Amino acid sequence: MNENNKLFKEPDIIKVYFEKGGERGSAEKLARTLNVEFTEAPEVAAKADILLRYNKEGLFFESEGQVLHGDFSTLRQRLEKGRVDHELLVKAAKFKGENPEDLTAVDATAGLGEDSMLLAFAGFKVTLYERDPIICALLKDTVRRACKIQWLADAAKRMNVVEGDSITELPKIADPPDMILLDPMFPAKKNSGLVKKKFQMIYLLERQSSDEDYLLEAALKAHPRKIVVKRPAGGPFLGGLKPGYSLSGKTIRYDCIVP
């Protein structure tokens, strides 16, 4: 397995399973990246502790009876005409008097890309960085499928997924973006009904953020016009840096840093 991928312990049996109708090239590439077995045999796949299943509906991460699968169409209610502009994130990302279609954004901690889709649907051209190879594969597959859905296609085509650690990649950006979104993972409350299963699985996949200060430093080195930091409503400021202003909801706060 890739040495940079610390998702699983050595005893776990991980397999990439290709079924008819899936993206074979993507499946084979992921198996090579993770240095795990690629199979088309259901009896072999059944022996996996963790299964990465490619079929005609896309890529699925399956483990212990839980399934993780990206699907931007679940955001339809939030993306309906007129609603996306009222999303707190979109309000935080915008610049007064400027059209989002003329602006660039970087999602430095992309995950499954739902925040990026909100920005792209609002008009931003978004570059998404995701350092974990499995989550990145799920994200690329989600964007690929969204490009084939009529009402999502325009927004999905404004999304460019990059596999890489934003801490090292952000300072290399040649053209400063208008906005950078940072969403360092914060501990989930135990027994919280607000934490969906898919996010519980992401917590298991992603390395917990012990490098938040470095993430903020990297974002500042990219020289954006604005950095938007997603935090729990009562949480501390990222890196102890007080933002210029904040927008708060019931559970989430967006801190806006204007360098």
C-alpha atoms as a PDB file:
ATOM      1  CA  MET A   1       0.000   0.000   0.000  1.00  0.00           C
ATOM      2  CA  ASN A   2       1.088   3.582  -0.638  1.00  0.00           C
ATOM      3  CA  GLU A   3       3.196   4.663   2.366  1.00  0.00           C
ATOM      4  CA  ASN A   4       1.400   7.997   2.527  1.00  0.00           C
ATOM      5  CA  ASN A   5      -1.963   6.297   2.941  1.00  0.00           C
ATOM      6  CA  LYS A   6      -2.475   5.599   6.664  1.00  0.00           C
ATOM      7  CA  LEU A   7      -6.122   4.656   6.448  1.00  0.00           C
ATOM      8  CA  PHE A   8      -5.953   1.030   7.420  1.00  0.00           C
ATOM      9  CA  LYS A   9      -3.995  -1.343   9.573  1.00  0.00           C
ATOM     10  CA  GLU A  10      -1.910  -4.050   7.948  1.00  0.00           C
ATOM     11  CA  PRO A  11      -4.317  -6.952   8.700  1.00  0.00           C
ATOM     12  CA  ASP A  12      -7.131  -5.358   6.687  1.00  0.00           C
ATOM     13  CA  ILE A  13      -7.806  -7.065   3.362  1.00  0.00           C
ATOM     14  CA  ILE A  14      -8.519  -4.388   0.758  1.00  0.00           C
ATOM     15  CA  LYS A  15      -9.626  -5.157  -2.784  1.00  0.00           C
ATOM     16  CA  VAL A  16     -10.748  -3.177  -5.813  1.00  0.00           C
ATOM     17  CA  TYR A  17     -13.698  -4.960  -7.396  1.00  0.00           C
ATOM     18  CA  PHE A  18     -14.697  -4.228 -10.993  1.00  0.00           C
ATOM     19  CA  GLU A  19     -18.206  -5.070 -12.195  1.00  0.00           C
ATOM     20  CA  LYS A  20     -19.525  -4.784 -15.755  1.00  0.00           C
ATOM     21  CA  GLY A  21     -20.441  -1.220 -16.675  1.00  0.00           C
ATOM     22  CA  GLY A  22     -17.933   0.391 -14.321  1.00  0.00           C
ATOM     23  CA  GLU A  23     -14.922   2.558 -15.127  1.00  0.00           C
ATOM     24  CA  ARG A  24     -12.301  -0.153 -15.659  1.00  0.00           C
ATOM     25  CA  GLY A  25      -9.375   2.225 -16.181  1.00  0.00           C
ATOM     26  CA  SER A  26     -10.171   4.092 -12.967  1.00  0.00           C
ATOM     27  CA  ALA A  27     -10.521   0.827 -11.064  1.00  0.00           C
ATOM     28  CA  GLU A  28      -7.171  -0.507 -12.259  1.00  0.00           C
ATOM     29  CA  LYS A  29      -5.456   2.812 -11.512  1.00  0.00           C
ATOM     30  CA  LEU A  30      -6.782   2.894  -7.946  1.00  0.00           C
ATOM     31  CA  ALA A  31      -5.632  -0.679  -7.320  1.00  0.00           C
ATOM     32  CA  ARG A  32      -2.136   0.271  -8.507  1.00  0.00           C
ATOM     33  CA  THR A  33      -2.095   3.437  -6.402  1.00  0.00           C
ATOM     34  CA  LEU A  34      -3.047   1.553  -3.236  1.00  0.00           C
ATOM     35  CA  ASN A  35      -0.990  -1.512  -4.174  1.00  0.00           C
ATOM     36  CA  VAL A  36      -3.971  -3.798  -3.544  1.00  0.00           C
ATOM     37  CA  GLU A  37      -5.621  -6.610  -5.490  1.00  0.00           C
ATOM     38  CA  PHE A  38      -7.820  -5.869  -8.502  1.00  0.00           C
ATOM     39  CA  THR A  39     -10.505  -8.482  -9.127  1.00  0.00           C
ATOM     40  CA  GLU A  40     -13.545  -9.186 -11.260  1.00  0.00           C
ATOM     41  CA  ALA A  41     -14.507 -12.307  -9.300  1.00  0.00           C
ATOM     42  CA  PRO A  42     -17.354 -11.882  -6.760  1.00  0.00           C
ATOM     43  CA  GLU A  43     -16.072 -14.779  -4.656  1.00  0.00           C
ATOM     44  CA  VAL A  44     -12.707 -13.014  -4.284  1.00  0.00           C
ATOM     45  CA  ALA A  45     -14.343  -9.669  -3.529  1.00  0.00           C
ATOM     46  CA  ALA A  46     -16.412 -11.323  -0.796  1.00  0.00           C
ATOM     47  CA  LYS A  47     -13.227 -12.008   1.187  1.00  0.00           C
ATOM     48  CA  ALA A  48     -12.331  -8.320   1.487  1.00  0.00           C
ATOM     49  CA  ASP A  49     -12.609  -6.403   4.738  1.00  0.00           C
ATOM     50  CA  ILE A  50     -12.700  -3.194   2.729  1.00  0.00           C
ATOM     51  CA  LEU A  51     -14.096  -3.235  -0.800  1.00  0.00           C
ATOM     52  CA  LEU A  52     -13.771  -0.524  -3.424  1.00  0.00           C
ATOM     53  CA  ARG A  53     -16.517  -1.497  -5.859  1.00  0.00           C
ATOM     54  CA  TYR A  54     -16.757  -0.009  -9.363  1.00  0.00           C
ATOM     55  CA  ASN A  55     -20.008  -0.648 -11.210  1.00  0.00           C
ATOM     56  CA  LYS A  56     -22.284   1.190 -13.643  1.00  0.00           C
ATOM     57  CA  GLU A  57     -23.445   3.489 -10.834  1.00  0.00           C
ATOM     58  CA  GLY A  58     -19.915   4.576  -9.932  1.00  0.00           C
ATOM     59  CA  LEU A  59     -17.459   3.902  -7.108  1.00  0.00           C
ATOM     60  CA  PHE A  60     -18.544   2.605  -3.715  1.00  0.00           C
ATOM     61  CA  PHE A  61     -16.460   2.262  -0.551  1.00  0.00           C
ATOM     62  CA  GLU A  62     -17.837  -0.654   1.495  1.00  0.00           C
ATOM     63  CA  SER A  63     -16.779  -1.771   4.964  1.00  0.00           C
ATOM     64  CA  GLU A  64     -18.545  -3.486   7.887  1.00  0.00           C
ATOM     65  CA  GLY A  65     -21.970  -3.038   6.346  1.00  0.00           C
ATOM     66  CA  GLN A  66     -21.536   0.681   5.651  1.00  0.00           C
ATOM     67  CA  VAL A  67     -21.316   2.238   2.199  1.00  0.00           C
ATOM     68  CA  LEU A  68     -19.799   5.546   1.112  1.00  0.00           C
ATOM     69  CA  HIS A  69     -20.774   6.889  -2.323  1.00  0.00           C
ATOM     70  CA  GLY A  70     -20.683  10.465  -3.568  1.00  0.00           C
ATOM     71  CA  ASP A  71     -23.845  11.872  -5.149  1.00  0.00           C
ATOM     72  CA  PHE A  72     -24.321  15.590  -5.776  1.00  0.00           C
ATOM     73  CA  SER A  73     -27.952  15.071  -6.809  1.00  0.00           C
ATOM     74  CA  THR A  74     -28.782  14.779  -3.077  1.00  0.00           C
ATOM     75  CA  LEU A  75     -28.071  18.522  -2.873  1.00  0.00           C
ATOM     76  CA  ARG A  76     -30.886  19.391  -5.268  1.00  0.00           C
ATOM     77  CA  GLN A  77     -33.059  21.178  -2.708  1.00  0.00           C
ATOM     78  CA  ARG A  78     -30.146  23.380  -1.624  1.00  0.00           C
ATOM     79  CA  LEU A  79     -29.210  24.085  -5.237  1.00  0.00           C
ATOM     80  CA  GLU A  80     -32.665  25.120  -6.437  1.00  0.00           C
ATOM     81  CA  LYS A  81     -32.852  28.484  -8.176  1.00  0.00           C
ATOM     82  CA  GLY A  82     -32.387  31.294  -5.700  1.00  0.00           C
ATOM     83  CA  ARG A  83     -31.484  29.050  -2.768  1.00  0.00           C
ATOM     84  CA  VAL A  84     -27.783  28.512  -3.353  1.00  0.00           C
ATOM     85  CA  ASP A  85     -27.108  32.247  -3.046  1.00  0.00           C
ATOM     86  CA  HIS A  86     -28.528  32.096   0.478  1.00  0.00           C
ATOM     87  CA  GLU A  87     -26.108  29.360   1.549  1.00  0.00           C
ATOM     88  CA  LEU A  88     -23.873  30.707   4.321  1.00  0.00           C
ATOM     89  CA  LEU A  89     -20.754  29.419   2.565  1.00  0.00           C
ATOM     90  CA  VAL A  90     -21.657  31.155  -0.695  1.00  0.00           C
ATOM     91  CA  LYS A  91     -22.326  34.408   1.152  1.00  0.00           C
ATOM     92  CA  ALA A  92     -18.929  34.120   2.869  1.00  0.00           C
ATOM     93  CA  ALA A  93     -17.131  33.356  -0.414  1.00  0.00           C
ATOM     94  CA  LYS A  94     -18.599  36.178  -2.495  1.00  0.00           C
ATOM     95  CA  PHE A  95     -17.125  39.625  -3.085  1.00  0.00           C
ATOM     96  CA  LYS A  96     -19.465  42.590  -3.036  1.00  0.00           C
ATOM     97  CA  GLY A  97     -20.393  43.768  -6.500  1.00  0.00           C
ATOM     98  CA  GLU A  98     -18.524  40.951  -8.288  1.00  0.00           C
ATOM     99  CA  ASN A  99     -19.989  38.114 -10.334  1.00  0.00           C
ATOM    100  CA  PRO A 100     -18.950  34.669  -8.996  1.00  0.00           C
ATOM    101  CA  GLU A 101     -18.605  33.495 -12.616  1.00  0.00           C
ATOM    102  CA  ASP A 102     -15.555  35.762 -12.857  1.00  0.00           C
ATOM    103  CA  LEU A 103     -13.991  34.356  -9.660  1.00  0.00           C
ATOM    104  CA  THR A 104     -11.766  31.400  -8.793  1.00  0.00           C
ATOM    105  CA  ALA A 105     -11.914  29.348  -5.612  1.00  0.00           C
ATOM    106  CA  VAL A 106      -9.754  26.625  -4.093  1.00  0.00           C
ATOM    107  CA  ASP A 107     -11.214  24.016  -1.763  1.00  0.00           C
ATOM    108  CA  ALA A 108      -8.080  22.962   0.092  1.00  0.00           C
ATOM    109  CA  THR A 109      -9.781  20.163   2.055  1.00  0.00           C
ATOM    110  CA  ALA A 110     -12.258  18.856  -0.496  1.00  0.00           C
ATOM    111  CA  GLY A 111     -13.536  15.590   1.029  1.00  0.00           C
ATOM    112  CA  LEU A 112     -16.560  14.475  -0.990  1.00  0.00           C
ATOM    113  CA  GLY A 113     -16.868  17.914  -2.578  1.00  0.00           C
ATOM    114  CA  GLU A 114     -20.302  19.059  -1.435  1.00  0.00           C
ATOM    115  CA  ASP A 115     -19.063  22.503  -0.374  1.00  0.00           C
ATOM    116  CA  SER A 116     -17.260  22.820  -3.701  1.00  0.00           C
ATOM    117  CA  MET A 117     -20.451  21.964  -5.572  1.00  0.00           C
ATOM    118  CA  LEU A 118     -22.268  24.777  -3.741  1.00  0.00           C
ATOM    119  CA  LEU A 119     -19.555  27.190  -4.860  1.00  0.00           C
ATOM    120  CA  ALA A 120     -19.461  25.865  -8.430  1.00  0.00           C
ATOM    121  CA  PHE A 121     -23.252  25.993  -8.722  1.00  0.00           C
ATOM    122  CA  ALA A 122     -23.098  29.627  -7.575  1.00  0.00           C
ATOM    123  CA  GLY A 123     -20.685  30.287 -10.461  1.00  0.00           C
ATOM    124  CA  PHE A 124     -17.171  29.936  -9.036  1.00  0.00           C
ATOM    125  CA  LYS A 125     -14.504  28.009 -10.910  1.00  0.00           C
ATOM    126  CA  VAL A 126     -13.252  25.627  -8.216  1.00  0.00           C
ATOM    127  CA  THR A 127     -10.039  23.631  -7.824  1.00  0.00           C
ATOM    128  CA  LEU A 128     -10.423  20.825  -5.275  1.00  0.00           C
ATOM    129  CA  TYR A 129      -7.441  19.375  -3.402  1.00  0.00           C
ATOM    130  CA  GLU A 130      -7.806  16.009  -1.660  1.00  0.00           C
ATOM    131  CA  ARG A 131      -4.783  14.221  -0.223  1.00  0.00           C
ATOM    132  CA  ASP A 132      -6.304  10.809   0.483  1.00  0.00           C
ATOM    133  CA  PRO A 133      -6.263   8.575  -2.634  1.00  0.00           C
ATOM    134  CA  ILE A 134      -9.500   6.749  -1.816  1.00  0.00           C
ATOM    135  CA  ILE A 135     -11.506   9.868  -1.036  1.00  0.00           C
ATOM    136  CA  CYS A 136      -9.986  11.521  -4.110  1.00  0.00           C
ATOM    137  CA  ALA A 137     -11.103   8.587  -6.267  1.00  0.00           C
ATOM    138  CA  LEU A 138     -14.629   8.846  -4.823  1.00  0.00           C
ATOM    139  CA  LEU A 139     -14.608  12.600  -5.500  1.00  0.00           C
ATOM    140  CA  LYS A 140     -13.386  12.293  -9.096  1.00  0.00           C
ATOM    141  CA  ASP A 141     -16.043   9.665  -9.768  1.00  0.00           C
ATOM    142  CA  THR A 142     -18.753  11.891  -8.256  1.00  0.00           C
ATOM    143  CA  VAL A 143     -17.733  14.847 -10.428  1.00  0.00           C
ATOM    144  CA  ARG A 144     -17.537  12.602 -13.521  1.00  0.00           C
ATOM    145  CA  ARG A 145     -21.098  11.378 -13.003  1.00  0.00           C
ATOM    146  CA  ALA A 146     -22.379  14.885 -12.231  1.00  0.00           C
ATOM    147  CA  CYS A 147     -21.097  16.033 -15.631  1.00  0.00           C
ATOM    148  CA  LYS A 148     -23.645  13.654 -17.180  1.00  0.00           C
ATOM    149  CA  ILE A 149     -26.618  15.046 -15.215  1.00  0.00           C
ATOM    150  CA  GLN A 150     -28.198  17.915 -17.109  1.00  0.00           C
ATOM    151  CA  TRP A 151     -28.969  20.247 -14.205  1.00  0.00           C
ATOM    152  CA  LEU A 152     -25.572  19.626 -12.557  1.00  0.00           C
ATOM    153  CA  ALA A 153     -23.344  19.503 -15.639  1.00  0.00           C
ATOM    154  CA  ASP A 154     -22.445  23.192 -15.930  1.00  0.00           C
ATOM    155  CA  ALA A 155     -21.389  23.383 -12.280  1.00  0.00           C
ATOM    156  CA  ALA A 156     -19.537  20.054 -12.362  1.00  0.00           C
ATOM    157  CA  LYS A 157     -17.521  21.200 -15.362  1.00  0.00           C
ATOM    158  CA  ARG A 158     -16.294  24.128 -13.271  1.00  0.00           C
ATOM    159  CA  MET A 159     -14.770  21.669 -10.761  1.00  0.00           C
ATOM    160  CA  ASN A 160     -11.184  20.445 -11.189  1.00  0.00           C
ATOM    161  CA  VAL A 161     -10.075  17.695  -8.764  1.00  0.00           C
ATOM    162  CA  VAL A 162      -6.397  17.436  -7.851  1.00  0.00           C
ATOM    163  CA  GLU A 163      -4.936  14.616  -5.756  1.00  0.00           C
ATOM    164  CA  GLY A 164      -2.413  16.223  -3.471  1.00  0.00           C
ATOM    165  CA  ASP A 165      -1.753  17.651  -0.037  1.00  0.00           C
ATOM    166  CA  SER A 166      -2.761  21.304  -0.060  1.00  0.00           C
ATOM    167  CA  ILE A 167      -0.126  22.094   2.576  1.00  0.00           C
ATOM    168  CA  THR A 168       2.562  21.476  -0.031  1.00  0.00           C
ATOM    169  CA  GLU A 169       0.547  22.396  -3.138  1.00  0.00           C
ATOM    170  CA  LEU A 170      -1.024  25.749  -2.203  1.00  0.00           C
ATOM    171  CA  PRO A 171       2.284  27.666  -2.053  1.00  0.00           C
ATOM    172  CA  LYS A 172       3.021  26.465  -5.597  1.00  0.00           C
ATOM    173  CA  ILE A 173      -0.070  28.089  -7.131  1.00  0.00           C
ATOM    174  CA  ALA A 174       1.104  30.484  -9.852  1.00  0.00           C
ATOM    175  CA  ASP A 175      -2.038  32.613 -10.158  1.00  0.00           C
ATOM    176  CA  PRO A 176      -3.457  33.609  -6.748  1.00  0.00           C
ATOM    177  CA  PRO A 177      -7.083  32.465  -6.411  1.00  0.00           C
ATOM    178  CA  ASP A 178      -9.787  34.850  -5.301  1.00  0.00           C
ATOM    179  CA  MET A 179     -10.833  32.624  -2.412  1.00  0.00           C
ATOM    180  CA  ILE A 180      -9.513  29.591  -0.510  1.00  0.00           C
ATOM    181  CA  LEU A 181     -11.825  27.421   1.592  1.00  0.00           C
ATOM    182  CA  LEU A 182     -10.337  25.582   4.571  1.00  0.00           C
ATOM    183  CA  ASP A 183     -12.335  22.940   6.407  1.00  0.00           C
ATOM    184  CA  PRO A 184      -9.954  21.196   8.819  1.00  0.00           C
ATOM    185  CA  MET A 185     -11.712  18.281  10.449  1.00  0.00           C
ATOM    186  CA  PHE A 186     -12.777  18.854  14.017  1.00  0.00           C
ATOM    187  CA  PRO A 187     -13.770  16.103  16.474  1.00  0.00           C
ATOM    188  CA  ALA A 188     -17.342  14.859  16.108  1.00  0.00           C
ATOM    189  CA  LYS A 189     -19.503  14.912  19.232  1.00  0.00           C
ATOM    190  CA  LYS A 190     -20.135  11.428  20.513  1.00  0.00           C
ATOM    191  CA  ASN A 191     -23.679  10.170  20.002  1.00  0.00           C
ATOM    192  CA  SER A 192     -24.510  13.304  18.014  1.00  0.00           C
ATOM    193  CA  GLY A 193     -27.538  12.876  15.774  1.00  0.00           C
ATOM    194  CA  LEU A 194     -26.073  15.583  13.543  1.00  0.00           C
ATOM    195  CA  VAL A 195     -23.218  13.360  12.383  1.00  0.00           C
ATOM    196  CA  LYS A 196     -24.309  11.385   9.324  1.00  0.00           C
ATOM    197  CA  LYS A 197     -22.923   7.928   8.621  1.00  0.00           C
ATOM    198  CA  LYS A 198     -21.026   9.128   5.562  1.00  0.00           C
ATOM    199  CA  PHE A 199     -19.167  11.676   7.657  1.00  0.00           C
ATOM    200  CA  GLN A 200     -18.411   9.046  10.288  1.00  0.00           C
ATOM    201  CA  MET A 201     -16.747   7.030   7.523  1.00  0.00           C
ATOM    202  CA  ILE A 202     -14.784  10.056   6.339  1.00  0.00           C
ATOM    203  CA  TYR A 203     -13.494  10.530   9.882  1.00  0.00           C
ATOM    204  CA  LEU A 204     -12.214   6.956   9.712  1.00  0.00           C
ATOM    205  CA  LEU A 205     -10.613   7.531   6.317  1.00  0.00           C
ATOM    206  CA  GLU A 206      -9.031  10.930   6.819  1.00  0.00           C
ATOM    207  CA  ARG A 207      -6.119  11.586   9.101  1.00  0.00           C
ATOM    208  CA  GLN A 208      -7.218  13.860  11.918  1.00  0.00           C
ATOM    209  CA  SER A 209      -5.971  17.410  11.531  1.00  0.00           C
ATOM    210  CA  SER A 210      -2.876  17.851  13.666  1.00  0.00           C
ATOM    211  CA  ASP A 211      -1.436  20.275  11.135  1.00  0.00           C
ATOM    212  CA  GLU A 212      -4.064  23.043  11.110  1.00  0.00           C
ATOM    213  CA  ASP A 213      -1.500  25.806  11.580  1.00  0.00           C
ATOM    214  CA  TYR A 214       0.475  24.559   8.561  1.00  0.00           C
ATOM    215  CA  LEU A 215      -2.740  24.484   6.489  1.00  0.00           C
ATOM    216  CA  LEU A 216      -3.469  28.124   7.289  1.00  0.00           C
ATOM    217  CA  GLU A 217       0.156  29.077   6.616  1.00  0.00           C
ATOM    218  CA  ALA A 218       0.025  27.357   3.214  1.00  0.00           C
ATOM    219  CA  ALA A 219      -3.200  29.175   2.331  1.00  0.00           C
ATOM    220  CA  LEU A 220      -1.649  32.524   3.214  1.00  0.00           C
ATOM    221  CA  LYS A 221       1.360  31.721   1.002  1.00  0.00           C
ATOM    222  CA  ALA A 222      -1.006  31.286  -1.976  1.00  0.00           C
ATOM    223  CA  HIS A 223      -1.905  35.012  -1.620  1.00  0.00           C
ATOM    224  CA  PRO A 224      -5.678  34.763  -2.115  1.00  0.00           C
ATOM    225  CA  ARG A 225      -7.903  37.786  -1.746  1.00  0.00           C
ATOM    226  CA  LYS A 226      -9.827  35.958   0.974  1.00  0.00           C
ATOM    227  CA  ILE A 227      -9.567  32.810   3.081  1.00  0.00           C
ATOM    228  CA  VAL A 228     -12.811  31.292   4.374  1.00  0.00           C
ATOM    229  CA  VAL A 229     -12.463  28.872   7.292  1.00  0.00           C
ATOM    230  CA  LYS A 230     -15.291  26.487   8.207  1.00  0.00           C
ATOM    231  CA  ARG A 231     -15.509  25.979  11.969  1.00  0.00           C
ATOM    232  CA  PRO A 232     -17.972  24.648  14.545  1.00  0.00           C
ATOM    233  CA  ALA A 233     -20.122  27.553  15.748  1.00  0.00           C
ATOM    234  CA  GLY A 234     -18.442  27.745  19.146  1.00  0.00           C
ATOM    235  CA  GLY A 235     -14.999  26.589  18.055  1.00  0.00           C
ATOM    236  CA  PRO A 236     -11.700  28.466  18.306  1.00  0.00           C
ATOM    237  CA  PHE A 237     -10.210  30.451  15.451  1.00  0.00           C
ATOM    238  CA  LEU A 238      -7.951  28.439  13.157  1.00  0.00           C
ATOM    239  CA  GLY A 239      -4.342  28.944  14.210  1.00  0.00           C
ATOM    240  CA  GLY A 240      -5.519  31.516  16.735  1.00  0.00           C
ATOM    241  CA  LEU A 241      -5.835  34.050  13.905  1.00  0.00           C
ATOM    242  CA  LYS A 242      -8.788  36.388  14.403  1.00  0.00           C
ATOM    243  CA  PRO A 243     -10.741  36.807  11.151  1.00  0.00           C
ATOM    244  CA  GLY A 244     -11.808  40.106   9.679  1.00  0.00           C
ATOM    245  CA  TYR A 245     -15.420  39.007  10.057  1.00  0.00           C
ATOM    246  CA  SER A 246     -17.516  35.854  10.506  1.00  0.00           C
ATOM    247  CA  LEU A 247     -20.867  34.521   9.342  1.00  0.00           C
ATOM    248  CA  SER A 248     -22.542  32.154  11.811  1.00  0.00           C
ATOM    249  CA  GLY A 249     -25.312  29.573  11.606  1.00  0.00           C
ATOM    250  CA  LYS A 250     -26.699  27.248  14.279  1.00  0.00           C
ATOM    251  CA  THR A 251     -23.869  24.718  14.103  1.00  0.00           C
ATOM    252  CA  ILE A 252     -21.330  26.151  11.624  1.00  0.00           C
ATOM    253  CA  ARG A 253     -19.368  29.391  11.466  1.00  0.00           C
ATOM    254  CA  TYR A 254     -17.422  30.778   8.505  1.00  0.00           C
ATOM    255  CA  ASP A 255     -14.442  32.912   9.470  1.00  0.00           C
ATOM    256  CA  CYS A 256     -13.337  35.261   6.691  1.00  0.00           C
ATOM    257  CA  ILE A 257      -9.670  36.247   6.679  1.00  0.00           C
ATOM    258  CA  VAL A 258      -8.696  39.069   4.335  1.00  0.00           C
ATOM    259  CA  PRO A 259      -4.853  39.043   4.137  1.00  0.00           C
END
